[in-house]
Amino acid sequence: MWRREMFALSVLLIALSLQTLPSGKMDKPVIENNKTANKSSESEHSPSNEPSKGVLSRSESEPNTKTPESDGQTPPENRVYAIKIVSQPPDPWFRASVIIAAALVLLGFISLGLLWRQTKATEIAATAARDNAQALINSERALVDIAVIRQSTDSTLYDLKITNEGKTPAKLIHCEIGANSFPPGSPSFVAKEFTASYKSIAHAQIPTQIFLREGKDQVLSAVTDLARAFISWDEVKSGKQSGLIQFAISYQDIINRTNRATSSIFYFNHRTNELERIPGWDAYS
């Protein structure tokens, strides 16, 4: 409501400033008579007393025509006038009106600037409130995390442990597994190549349909066999190839009815003969 009042006040101030501006009409220019008349024009129009030779006199050609001289009237004179524009004398009220108009215009622009700043502040506050509300919703959601457990020291079989670390129940839909091997390199570098080629590698999907309450966990036994997951298992085991495997869990938040997913990439360390999670390559939605 106050923003509308500020805007109306700004428009009113600008309108008042435009009304106080002096009008552009100038007083009529002062015309001063040129005191020095053109004597040549007078001489040209003055009556001549001597008739021209070879031409009939006016009395002979027009005996009944009257002239101004005969009536005692002075004939009109064609005089030349000079026009001089006189500047308007300084007026203190005129200067005061100009200053007041400029001040009102400046005040109007300042009011508009303050209104714009208040609008931006309101938008920022609304965005922050929306983010806080979304953070509160996310804190009250289901959040699934995964971990791998090796069944025995010499075994290539791994179990998958799924834990609901959120505050609402989750319904596990299915588990997806994808594995591939690359030339030796750092785990982070190989993970980039792995994610780039993930769509083209073989996947295995295991339907789960498990209801998992908050704070509880569920173990899927023998979800993967490394000897079968990697085509060149011997090279991966000896360290000639870098073996990576990804586990992805699709689930549904029971309260919000939202489909979500969690995925992690693991790197086979041939020195420890274990799968190790690659930091920074976990994804949660």
C-alpha atoms as a PDB file:
ATOM      1  CA  MET A   1       0.000   0.000   0.000  1.00  0.00           C
ATOM      2  CA  TRP A   2       2.805   2.449   0.894  1.00  0.00           C
ATOM      3  CA  ARG A   3       4.473   1.835  -2.472  1.00  0.00           C
ATOM      4  CA  ARG A   4       1.362   3.081  -4.285  1.00  0.00           C
ATOM      5  CA  GLU A   5       1.280   6.183  -2.069  1.00  0.00           C
ATOM      6  CA  MET A   6       4.968   6.908  -2.769  1.00  0.00           C
ATOM      7  CA  PHE A   7       4.400   6.521  -6.509  1.00  0.00           C
ATOM      8  CA  ALA A   8       1.359   8.837  -6.426  1.00  0.00           C
ATOM      9  CA  LEU A   9       3.350  11.429  -4.427  1.00  0.00           C
ATOM     10  CA  SER A  10       6.191  11.295  -6.980  1.00  0.00           C
ATOM     11  CA  VAL A  11       3.796  11.822  -9.907  1.00  0.00           C
ATOM     12  CA  LEU A  12       2.107  14.719  -8.064  1.00  0.00           C
ATOM     13  CA  LEU A  13       5.447  16.438  -7.370  1.00  0.00           C
ATOM     14  CA  ILE A  14       6.510  16.165 -11.018  1.00  0.00           C
ATOM     15  CA  ALA A  15       3.126  17.538 -12.164  1.00  0.00           C
ATOM     16  CA  LEU A  16       3.401  20.497  -9.773  1.00  0.00           C
ATOM     17  CA  SER A  17       6.931  21.205 -10.995  1.00  0.00           C
ATOM     18  CA  LEU A  18       5.740  21.288 -14.604  1.00  0.00           C
ATOM     19  CA  GLN A  19       2.921  23.703 -13.705  1.00  0.00           C
ATOM     20  CA  THR A  20       5.282  26.107 -11.935  1.00  0.00           C
ATOM     21  CA  LEU A  21       7.576  26.406 -14.951  1.00  0.00           C
ATOM     22  CA  PRO A  22       7.198  29.802 -16.665  1.00  0.00           C
ATOM     23  CA  SER A  23       5.353  29.865 -19.934  1.00  0.00           C
ATOM     24  CA  GLY A  24       7.354  30.122 -23.111  1.00  0.00           C
ATOM     25  CA  LYS A  25       5.395  33.095 -24.379  1.00  0.00           C
ATOM     26  CA  MET A  26       7.432  36.283 -24.704  1.00  0.00           C
ATOM     27  CA  ASP A  27       6.054  39.757 -24.460  1.00  0.00           C
ATOM     28  CA  LYS A  28       5.458  41.495 -27.692  1.00  0.00           C
ATOM     29  CA  PRO A  29       8.609  43.135 -28.944  1.00  0.00           C
ATOM     30  CA  VAL A  30       8.815  46.824 -28.338  1.00  0.00           C
ATOM     31  CA  ILE A  31       8.780  48.632 -31.614  1.00  0.00           C
ATOM     32  CA  GLU A  32      10.535  51.909 -31.556  1.00  0.00           C
ATOM     33  CA  ASN A  33       9.857  54.426 -34.240  1.00  0.00           C
ATOM     34  CA  ASN A  34      12.884  55.396 -36.223  1.00  0.00           C
ATOM     35  CA  LYS A  35      13.119  59.047 -35.723  1.00  0.00           C
ATOM     36  CA  THR A  36      15.181  59.476 -38.810  1.00  0.00           C
ATOM     37  CA  ALA A  37      12.763  59.105 -41.659  1.00  0.00           C
ATOM     38  CA  ASN A  38      13.904  58.302 -45.073  1.00  0.00           C
ATOM     39  CA  LYS A  39      14.146  61.658 -46.609  1.00  0.00           C
ATOM     40  CA  SER A  40      14.609  60.212 -50.012  1.00  0.00           C
ATOM     41  CA  SER A  41      11.192  58.559 -49.860  1.00  0.00           C
ATOM     42  CA  GLU A  42       9.627  61.823 -48.817  1.00  0.00           C
ATOM     43  CA  SER A  43      11.276  63.610 -51.632  1.00  0.00           C
ATOM     44  CA  GLU A  44      10.056  61.011 -54.068  1.00  0.00           C
ATOM     45  CA  HIS A  45       6.458  61.228 -52.949  1.00  0.00           C
ATOM     46  CA  SER A  46       6.371  65.014 -52.464  1.00  0.00           C
ATOM     47  CA  PRO A  47       4.307  66.792 -55.086  1.00  0.00           C
ATOM     48  CA  SER A  48       6.200  68.563 -57.839  1.00  0.00           C
ATOM     49  CA  ASN A  49       5.206  72.057 -58.718  1.00  0.00           C
ATOM     50  CA  GLU A  50       6.717  71.983 -62.153  1.00  0.00           C
ATOM     51  CA  PRO A  51       4.982  69.957 -64.803  1.00  0.00           C
ATOM     52  CA  SER A  52       7.077  67.723 -66.951  1.00  0.00           C
ATOM     53  CA  LYS A  53       7.840  68.755 -70.392  1.00  0.00           C
ATOM     54  CA  GLY A  54       6.062  66.979 -73.193  1.00  0.00           C
ATOM     55  CA  VAL A  55       3.344  65.688 -70.858  1.00  0.00           C
ATOM     56  CA  LEU A  56      -0.093  67.245 -70.445  1.00  0.00           C
ATOM     57  CA  SER A  57      -0.719  68.841 -67.101  1.00  0.00           C
ATOM     58  CA  ARG A  58      -3.185  67.224 -64.681  1.00  0.00           C
ATOM     59  CA  SER A  59      -5.526  70.176 -65.078  1.00  0.00           C
ATOM     60  CA  GLU A  60      -5.583  69.768 -68.806  1.00  0.00           C
ATOM     61  CA  SER A  61      -5.973  65.964 -68.877  1.00  0.00           C
ATOM     62  CA  GLU A  62      -8.350  65.668 -65.894  1.00  0.00           C
ATOM     63  CA  PRO A  63      -9.967  69.018 -65.384  1.00  0.00           C
ATOM     64  CA  ASN A  64     -12.576  67.755 -62.845  1.00  0.00           C
ATOM     65  CA  THR A  65     -10.227  65.601 -60.622  1.00  0.00           C
ATOM     66  CA  LYS A  66      -9.400  66.933 -57.152  1.00  0.00           C
ATOM     67  CA  THR A  67      -6.023  66.496 -55.548  1.00  0.00           C
ATOM     68  CA  PRO A  68      -5.237  66.352 -51.804  1.00  0.00           C
ATOM     69  CA  GLU A  69      -3.386  69.599 -52.085  1.00  0.00           C
ATOM     70  CA  SER A  70      -6.483  71.298 -53.441  1.00  0.00           C
ATOM     71  CA  ASP A  71      -8.497  70.102 -50.396  1.00  0.00           C
ATOM     72  CA  GLY A  72      -5.880  71.264 -47.939  1.00  0.00           C
ATOM     73  CA  GLN A  73      -4.972  67.635 -46.816  1.00  0.00           C
ATOM     74  CA  THR A  74      -1.459  66.312 -46.373  1.00  0.00           C
ATOM     75  CA  PRO A  75      -0.743  63.241 -48.511  1.00  0.00           C
ATOM     76  CA  PRO A  76       0.278  59.980 -46.605  1.00  0.00           C
ATOM     77  CA  GLU A  77       3.956  59.443 -46.171  1.00  0.00           C
ATOM     78  CA  ASN A  78       5.681  56.028 -46.620  1.00  0.00           C
ATOM     79  CA  ARG A  79       8.049  55.834 -43.681  1.00  0.00           C
ATOM     80  CA  VAL A  80      10.463  53.035 -42.740  1.00  0.00           C
ATOM     81  CA  TYR A  81      10.271  51.694 -39.151  1.00  0.00           C
ATOM     82  CA  ALA A  82      13.100  49.888 -37.339  1.00  0.00           C
ATOM     83  CA  ILE A  83      12.165  46.926 -35.054  1.00  0.00           C
ATOM     84  CA  LYS A  84      14.184  46.477 -31.889  1.00  0.00           C
ATOM     85  CA  ILE A  85      13.625  43.524 -29.515  1.00  0.00           C
ATOM     86  CA  VAL A  86      14.116  44.547 -25.929  1.00  0.00           C
ATOM     87  CA  SER A  87      15.212  41.764 -23.514  1.00  0.00           C
ATOM     88  CA  GLN A  88      13.047  41.011 -20.507  1.00  0.00           C
ATOM     89  CA  PRO A  89      14.297  42.717 -17.375  1.00  0.00           C
ATOM     90  CA  PRO A  90      15.420  40.427 -14.519  1.00  0.00           C
ATOM     91  CA  ASP A  91      12.537  39.400 -12.277  1.00  0.00           C
ATOM     92  CA  PRO A  92      13.191  37.861  -8.802  1.00  0.00           C
ATOM     93  CA  TRP A  93       9.830  36.037  -8.875  1.00  0.00           C
ATOM     94  CA  PHE A  94      10.729  34.458 -12.194  1.00  0.00           C
ATOM     95  CA  ARG A  95      14.025  33.175 -10.807  1.00  0.00           C
ATOM     96  CA  ALA A  96      12.297  31.881  -7.684  1.00  0.00           C
ATOM     97  CA  SER A  97       9.731  29.966  -9.746  1.00  0.00           C
ATOM     98  CA  VAL A  98      12.503  28.335 -11.796  1.00  0.00           C
ATOM     99  CA  ILE A  99      14.365  27.283  -8.646  1.00  0.00           C
ATOM    100  CA  ILE A 100      11.197  25.890  -7.045  1.00  0.00           C
ATOM    101  CA  ALA A 101      10.345  23.948 -10.219  1.00  0.00           C
ATOM    102  CA  ALA A 102      13.848  22.442 -10.373  1.00  0.00           C
ATOM    103  CA  ALA A 103      13.660  21.488  -6.693  1.00  0.00           C
ATOM    104  CA  LEU A 104      10.290  19.780  -7.197  1.00  0.00           C
ATOM    105  CA  VAL A 105      11.610  17.807 -10.187  1.00  0.00           C
ATOM    106  CA  LEU A 106      14.672  16.738  -8.186  1.00  0.00           C
ATOM    107  CA  LEU A 107      12.480  15.713  -5.249  1.00  0.00           C
ATOM    108  CA  GLY A 108      10.280  13.669  -7.584  1.00  0.00           C
ATOM    109  CA  PHE A 109      13.247  11.754  -8.989  1.00  0.00           C
ATOM    110  CA  ILE A 110      14.591  11.131  -5.487  1.00  0.00           C
ATOM    111  CA  SER A 111      11.218   9.720  -4.457  1.00  0.00           C
ATOM    112  CA  LEU A 112      11.186   7.425  -7.485  1.00  0.00           C
ATOM    113  CA  GLY A 113      14.707   6.227  -6.622  1.00  0.00           C
ATOM    114  CA  LEU A 114      13.692   5.458  -3.044  1.00  0.00           C
ATOM    115  CA  LEU A 115      10.621   3.625  -4.292  1.00  0.00           C
ATOM    116  CA  TRP A 116      12.779   1.515  -6.644  1.00  0.00           C
ATOM    117  CA  ARG A 117      15.179   0.628  -3.816  1.00  0.00           C
ATOM    118  CA  GLN A 118      12.312  -0.387  -1.555  1.00  0.00           C
ATOM    119  CA  THR A 119      10.884  -2.565  -4.344  1.00  0.00           C
ATOM    120  CA  LYS A 120      14.219  -4.328  -4.848  1.00  0.00           C
ATOM    121  CA  ALA A 121      14.560  -4.879  -1.099  1.00  0.00           C
ATOM    122  CA  THR A 122      11.079  -6.400  -1.030  1.00  0.00           C
ATOM    123  CA  GLU A 123      11.951  -8.751  -3.895  1.00  0.00           C
ATOM    124  CA  ILE A 124      15.154  -9.862  -2.135  1.00  0.00           C
ATOM    125  CA  ALA A 125      13.235 -10.501   1.081  1.00  0.00           C
ATOM    126  CA  ALA A 126      10.607 -12.518  -0.814  1.00  0.00           C
ATOM    127  CA  THR A 127      13.316 -14.614  -2.489  1.00  0.00           C
ATOM    128  CA  ALA A 128      14.990 -15.277   0.851  1.00  0.00           C
ATOM    129  CA  ALA A 129      11.663 -16.306   2.396  1.00  0.00           C
ATOM    130  CA  ARG A 130      10.987 -18.676  -0.506  1.00  0.00           C
ATOM    131  CA  ASP A 131      14.449 -20.233  -0.167  1.00  0.00           C
ATOM    132  CA  ASN A 132      13.949 -20.686   3.576  1.00  0.00           C
ATOM    133  CA  ALA A 133      10.602 -22.357   2.958  1.00  0.00           C
ATOM    134  CA  GLN A 134      12.187 -24.686   0.409  1.00  0.00           C
ATOM    135  CA  ALA A 135      15.009 -25.495   2.828  1.00  0.00           C
ATOM    136  CA  LEU A 136      12.421 -26.337   5.476  1.00  0.00           C
ATOM    137  CA  ILE A 137      10.620 -28.638   3.027  1.00  0.00           C
ATOM    138  CA  ASN A 138      13.896 -30.327   2.105  1.00  0.00           C
ATOM    139  CA  SER A 139      14.756 -30.849   5.771  1.00  0.00           C
ATOM    140  CA  GLU A 140      11.450 -32.664   6.254  1.00  0.00           C
ATOM    141  CA  ARG A 141      11.889 -35.033   3.311  1.00  0.00           C
ATOM    142  CA  ALA A 142      13.139 -38.567   2.801  1.00  0.00           C
ATOM    143  CA  LEU A 143      16.861 -38.781   2.034  1.00  0.00           C
ATOM    144  CA  VAL A 144      18.350 -42.098   0.940  1.00  0.00           C
ATOM    145  CA  ASP A 145      22.079 -42.850   1.071  1.00  0.00           C
ATOM    146  CA  ILE A 146      23.971 -45.983   0.011  1.00  0.00           C
ATOM    147  CA  ALA A 147      27.094 -47.913   0.988  1.00  0.00           C
ATOM    148  CA  VAL A 148      28.746 -51.145  -0.213  1.00  0.00           C
ATOM    149  CA  ILE A 149      29.730 -54.068   2.004  1.00  0.00           C
ATOM    150  CA  ARG A 150      32.027 -56.875   0.880  1.00  0.00           C
ATOM    151  CA  GLN A 151      30.735 -60.280   1.896  1.00  0.00           C
ATOM    152  CA  SER A 152      34.163 -61.823   2.619  1.00  0.00           C
ATOM    153  CA  THR A 153      37.854 -61.099   2.153  1.00  0.00           C
ATOM    154  CA  ASP A 154      38.354 -63.258  -0.943  1.00  0.00           C
ATOM    155  CA  SER A 155      34.862 -62.757  -2.358  1.00  0.00           C
ATOM    156  CA  THR A 156      33.973 -60.562  -5.336  1.00  0.00           C
ATOM    157  CA  LEU A 157      30.380 -60.288  -4.137  1.00  0.00           C
ATOM    158  CA  TYR A 158      29.170 -57.027  -2.596  1.00  0.00           C
ATOM    159  CA  ASP A 159      26.055 -56.159  -0.656  1.00  0.00           C
ATOM    160  CA  LEU A 160      24.351 -52.775  -0.929  1.00  0.00           C
ATOM    161  CA  LYS A 161      23.252 -51.029   2.245  1.00  0.00           C
ATOM    162  CA  ILE A 162      20.468 -48.452   1.804  1.00  0.00           C
ATOM    163  CA  THR A 163      19.733 -46.006   4.644  1.00  0.00           C
ATOM    164  CA  ASN A 164      16.936 -43.458   4.938  1.00  0.00           C
ATOM    165  CA  GLU A 165      18.581 -40.492   6.655  1.00  0.00           C
ATOM    166  CA  GLY A 166      15.579 -38.200   6.149  1.00  0.00           C
ATOM    167  CA  LYS A 167      12.581 -37.432   8.338  1.00  0.00           C
ATOM    168  CA  THR A 168       9.827 -39.004   6.219  1.00  0.00           C
ATOM    169  CA  PRO A 169       9.355 -42.571   4.913  1.00  0.00           C
ATOM    170  CA  ALA A 170      10.592 -43.602   1.461  1.00  0.00           C
ATOM    171  CA  LYS A 171       9.470 -46.231  -0.980  1.00  0.00           C
ATOM    172  CA  LEU A 172      12.411 -47.847  -2.797  1.00  0.00           C
ATOM    173  CA  ILE A 173      11.533 -48.469  -6.448  1.00  0.00           C
ATOM    174  CA  HIS A 174      14.618 -50.052  -8.042  1.00  0.00           C
ATOM    175  CA  CYS A 175      18.415 -50.227  -7.930  1.00  0.00           C
ATOM    176  CA  GLU A 176      20.528 -49.608 -11.049  1.00  0.00           C
ATOM    177  CA  ILE A 177      24.147 -50.769 -11.416  1.00  0.00           C
ATOM    178  CA  GLY A 178      26.624 -49.833 -14.157  1.00  0.00           C
ATOM    179  CA  ALA A 179      30.333 -50.715 -14.439  1.00  0.00           C
ATOM    180  CA  ASN A 180      33.164 -49.983 -16.866  1.00  0.00           C
ATOM    181  CA  SER A 181      36.972 -50.004 -17.016  1.00  0.00           C
ATOM    182  CA  PHE A 182      39.436 -47.396 -18.337  1.00  0.00           C
ATOM    183  CA  PRO A 183      43.214 -46.893 -18.658  1.00  0.00           C
ATOM    184  CA  PRO A 184      44.875 -46.199 -15.309  1.00  0.00           C
ATOM    185  CA  GLY A 185      44.412 -42.703 -13.910  1.00  0.00           C
ATOM    186  CA  SER A 186      43.288 -40.782 -10.871  1.00  0.00           C
ATOM    187  CA  PRO A 187      39.799 -41.701  -9.598  1.00  0.00           C
ATOM    188  CA  SER A 188      38.393 -38.203 -10.243  1.00  0.00           C
ATOM    189  CA  PHE A 189      39.749 -38.102 -13.802  1.00  0.00           C
ATOM    190  CA  VAL A 190      38.438 -41.570 -14.587  1.00  0.00           C
ATOM    191  CA  ALA A 191      35.066 -40.657 -13.044  1.00  0.00           C
ATOM    192  CA  LYS A 192      34.639 -37.940 -15.697  1.00  0.00           C
ATOM    193  CA  GLU A 193      35.155 -40.488 -18.469  1.00  0.00           C
ATOM    194  CA  PHE A 194      32.848 -42.894 -16.680  1.00  0.00           C
ATOM    195  CA  THR A 195      29.947 -40.433 -16.446  1.00  0.00           C
ATOM    196  CA  ALA A 196      30.460 -39.413 -20.091  1.00  0.00           C
ATOM    197  CA  SER A 197      30.138 -43.029 -21.259  1.00  0.00           C
ATOM    198  CA  TYR A 198      27.610 -44.185 -18.666  1.00  0.00           C
ATOM    199  CA  LYS A 199      24.700 -44.212 -21.102  1.00  0.00           C
ATOM    200  CA  SER A 200      26.484 -46.622 -23.431  1.00  0.00           C
ATOM    201  CA  ILE A 201      27.578 -49.212 -20.843  1.00  0.00           C
ATOM    202  CA  ALA A 202      25.585 -52.202 -19.644  1.00  0.00           C
ATOM    203  CA  HIS A 203      23.226 -51.689 -16.696  1.00  0.00           C
ATOM    204  CA  ALA A 204      21.484 -54.048 -14.334  1.00  0.00           C
ATOM    205  CA  GLN A 205      18.238 -53.063 -12.630  1.00  0.00           C
ATOM    206  CA  ILE A 206      16.973 -54.782  -9.528  1.00  0.00           C
ATOM    207  CA  PRO A 207      13.343 -54.085  -8.559  1.00  0.00           C
ATOM    208  CA  THR A 208      13.055 -53.491  -4.848  1.00  0.00           C
ATOM    209  CA  GLN A 209       9.592 -52.127  -3.900  1.00  0.00           C
ATOM    210  CA  ILE A 210      10.662 -51.769  -0.286  1.00  0.00           C
ATOM    211  CA  PHE A 211       9.042 -49.416   2.221  1.00  0.00           C
ATOM    212  CA  LEU A 212      11.825 -47.812   4.275  1.00  0.00           C
ATOM    213  CA  ARG A 213      10.996 -45.748   7.338  1.00  0.00           C
ATOM    214  CA  GLU A 214      13.042 -42.762   8.475  1.00  0.00           C
ATOM    215  CA  GLY A 215      16.234 -43.682  10.292  1.00  0.00           C
ATOM    216  CA  LYS A 216      16.088 -47.288   9.085  1.00  0.00           C
ATOM    217  CA  ASP A 217      18.287 -49.207   6.661  1.00  0.00           C
ATOM    218  CA  GLN A 218      17.907 -52.109   4.265  1.00  0.00           C
ATOM    219  CA  VAL A 219      20.633 -54.431   2.925  1.00  0.00           C
ATOM    220  CA  LEU A 220      20.386 -55.864  -0.595  1.00  0.00           C
ATOM    221  CA  SER A 221      22.497 -58.996  -0.563  1.00  0.00           C
ATOM    222  CA  ALA A 222      24.922 -59.825  -3.386  1.00  0.00           C
ATOM    223  CA  VAL A 223      23.729 -57.072  -5.690  1.00  0.00           C
ATOM    224  CA  THR A 224      26.920 -57.224  -7.750  1.00  0.00           C
ATOM    225  CA  ASP A 225      29.760 -59.582  -8.554  1.00  0.00           C
ATOM    226  CA  LEU A 226      32.876 -57.716  -9.655  1.00  0.00           C
ATOM    227  CA  ALA A 227      34.140 -60.684 -11.631  1.00  0.00           C
ATOM    228  CA  ARG A 228      31.027 -60.439 -13.775  1.00  0.00           C
ATOM    229  CA  ALA A 229      30.520 -56.680 -13.657  1.00  0.00           C
ATOM    230  CA  PHE A 230      33.860 -55.964 -15.385  1.00  0.00           C
ATOM    231  CA  ILE A 231      34.564 -57.607 -18.728  1.00  0.00           C
ATOM    232  CA  SER A 232      38.341 -57.354 -18.176  1.00  0.00           C
ATOM    233  CA  TRP A 233      38.247 -58.279 -14.494  1.00  0.00           C
ATOM    234  CA  ASP A 234      41.789 -59.680 -14.461  1.00  0.00           C
ATOM    235  CA  GLU A 235      43.233 -56.388 -15.736  1.00  0.00           C
ATOM    236  CA  VAL A 236      41.163 -54.402 -13.250  1.00  0.00           C
ATOM    237  CA  LYS A 237      42.256 -56.680 -10.403  1.00  0.00           C
ATOM    238  CA  SER A 238      45.951 -56.353 -11.335  1.00  0.00           C
ATOM    239  CA  GLY A 239      45.778 -52.565 -11.743  1.00  0.00           C
ATOM    240  CA  LYS A 240      46.303 -52.454 -15.512  1.00  0.00           C
ATOM    241  CA  GLN A 241      42.797 -51.017 -15.865  1.00  0.00           C
ATOM    242  CA  SER A 242      40.832 -48.667 -13.612  1.00  0.00           C
ATOM    243  CA  GLY A 243      37.483 -50.177 -12.694  1.00  0.00           C
ATOM    244  CA  LEU A 244      34.534 -47.969 -11.720  1.00  0.00           C
ATOM    245  CA  ILE A 245      31.032 -48.987 -10.698  1.00  0.00           C
ATOM    246  CA  GLN A 246      27.998 -46.851  -9.969  1.00  0.00           C
ATOM    247  CA  PHE A 247      24.984 -47.637  -7.805  1.00  0.00           C
ATOM    248  CA  ALA A 248      21.779 -45.605  -8.214  1.00  0.00           C
ATOM    249  CA  ILE A 249      18.648 -45.922  -6.098  1.00  0.00           C
ATOM    250  CA  SER A 250      15.292 -44.567  -7.303  1.00  0.00           C
ATOM    251  CA  TYR A 251      12.714 -43.967  -4.576  1.00  0.00           C
ATOM    252  CA  GLN A 252       9.609 -41.979  -3.774  1.00  0.00           C
ATOM    253  CA  ASP A 253       9.024 -39.620  -0.889  1.00  0.00           C
ATOM    254  CA  ILE A 254       5.825 -40.890   0.722  1.00  0.00           C
ATOM    255  CA  ILE A 255       4.794 -37.535   2.244  1.00  0.00           C
ATOM    256  CA  ASN A 256       5.557 -35.242  -0.717  1.00  0.00           C
ATOM    257  CA  ARG A 257       4.797 -37.844  -3.410  1.00  0.00           C
ATOM    258  CA  THR A 258       8.032 -36.836  -5.152  1.00  0.00           C
ATOM    259  CA  ASN A 259      10.258 -39.162  -7.161  1.00  0.00           C
ATOM    260  CA  ARG A 260      13.900 -38.879  -6.116  1.00  0.00           C
ATOM    261  CA  ALA A 261      17.208 -40.609  -6.757  1.00  0.00           C
ATOM    262  CA  THR A 262      20.592 -41.145  -5.106  1.00  0.00           C
ATOM    263  CA  SER A 263      23.752 -42.291  -6.894  1.00  0.00           C
ATOM    264  CA  SER A 264      27.395 -42.854  -5.957  1.00  0.00           C
ATOM    265  CA  ILE A 265      30.500 -43.901  -7.917  1.00  0.00           C
ATOM    266  CA  PHE A 266      32.986 -46.373  -6.457  1.00  0.00           C
ATOM    267  CA  TYR A 267      36.567 -47.036  -7.542  1.00  0.00           C
ATOM    268  CA  PHE A 268      38.189 -50.479  -7.249  1.00  0.00           C
ATOM    269  CA  ASN A 269      41.506 -50.145  -5.434  1.00  0.00           C
ATOM    270  CA  HIS A 270      43.643 -53.088  -6.569  1.00  0.00           C
ATOM    271  CA  ARG A 271      46.067 -52.528  -3.667  1.00  0.00           C
ATOM    272  CA  THR A 272      43.436 -52.960  -0.934  1.00  0.00           C
ATOM    273  CA  ASN A 273      41.200 -55.155  -3.111  1.00  0.00           C
ATOM    274  CA  GLU A 274      38.203 -53.013  -2.046  1.00  0.00           C
ATOM    275  CA  LEU A 275      35.601 -50.709  -3.585  1.00  0.00           C
ATOM    276  CA  GLU A 276      36.126 -47.111  -2.408  1.00  0.00           C
ATOM    277  CA  ARG A 277      33.697 -44.214  -2.776  1.00  0.00           C
ATOM    278  CA  ILE A 278      35.000 -41.330  -4.931  1.00  0.00           C
ATOM    279  CA  PRO A 279      34.470 -38.045  -3.025  1.00  0.00           C
ATOM    280  CA  GLY A 280      32.508 -35.382  -4.867  1.00  0.00           C
ATOM    281  CA  TRP A 281      30.731 -37.789  -7.191  1.00  0.00           C
ATOM    282  CA  ASP A 282      27.597 -38.401  -5.111  1.00  0.00           C
ATOM    283  CA  ALA A 283      24.314 -37.118  -6.518  1.00  0.00           C
ATOM    284  CA  TYR A 284      21.077 -36.504  -4.608  1.00  0.00           C
ATOM    285  CA  SER A 285      17.758 -35.287  -5.986  1.00  0.00           C
END
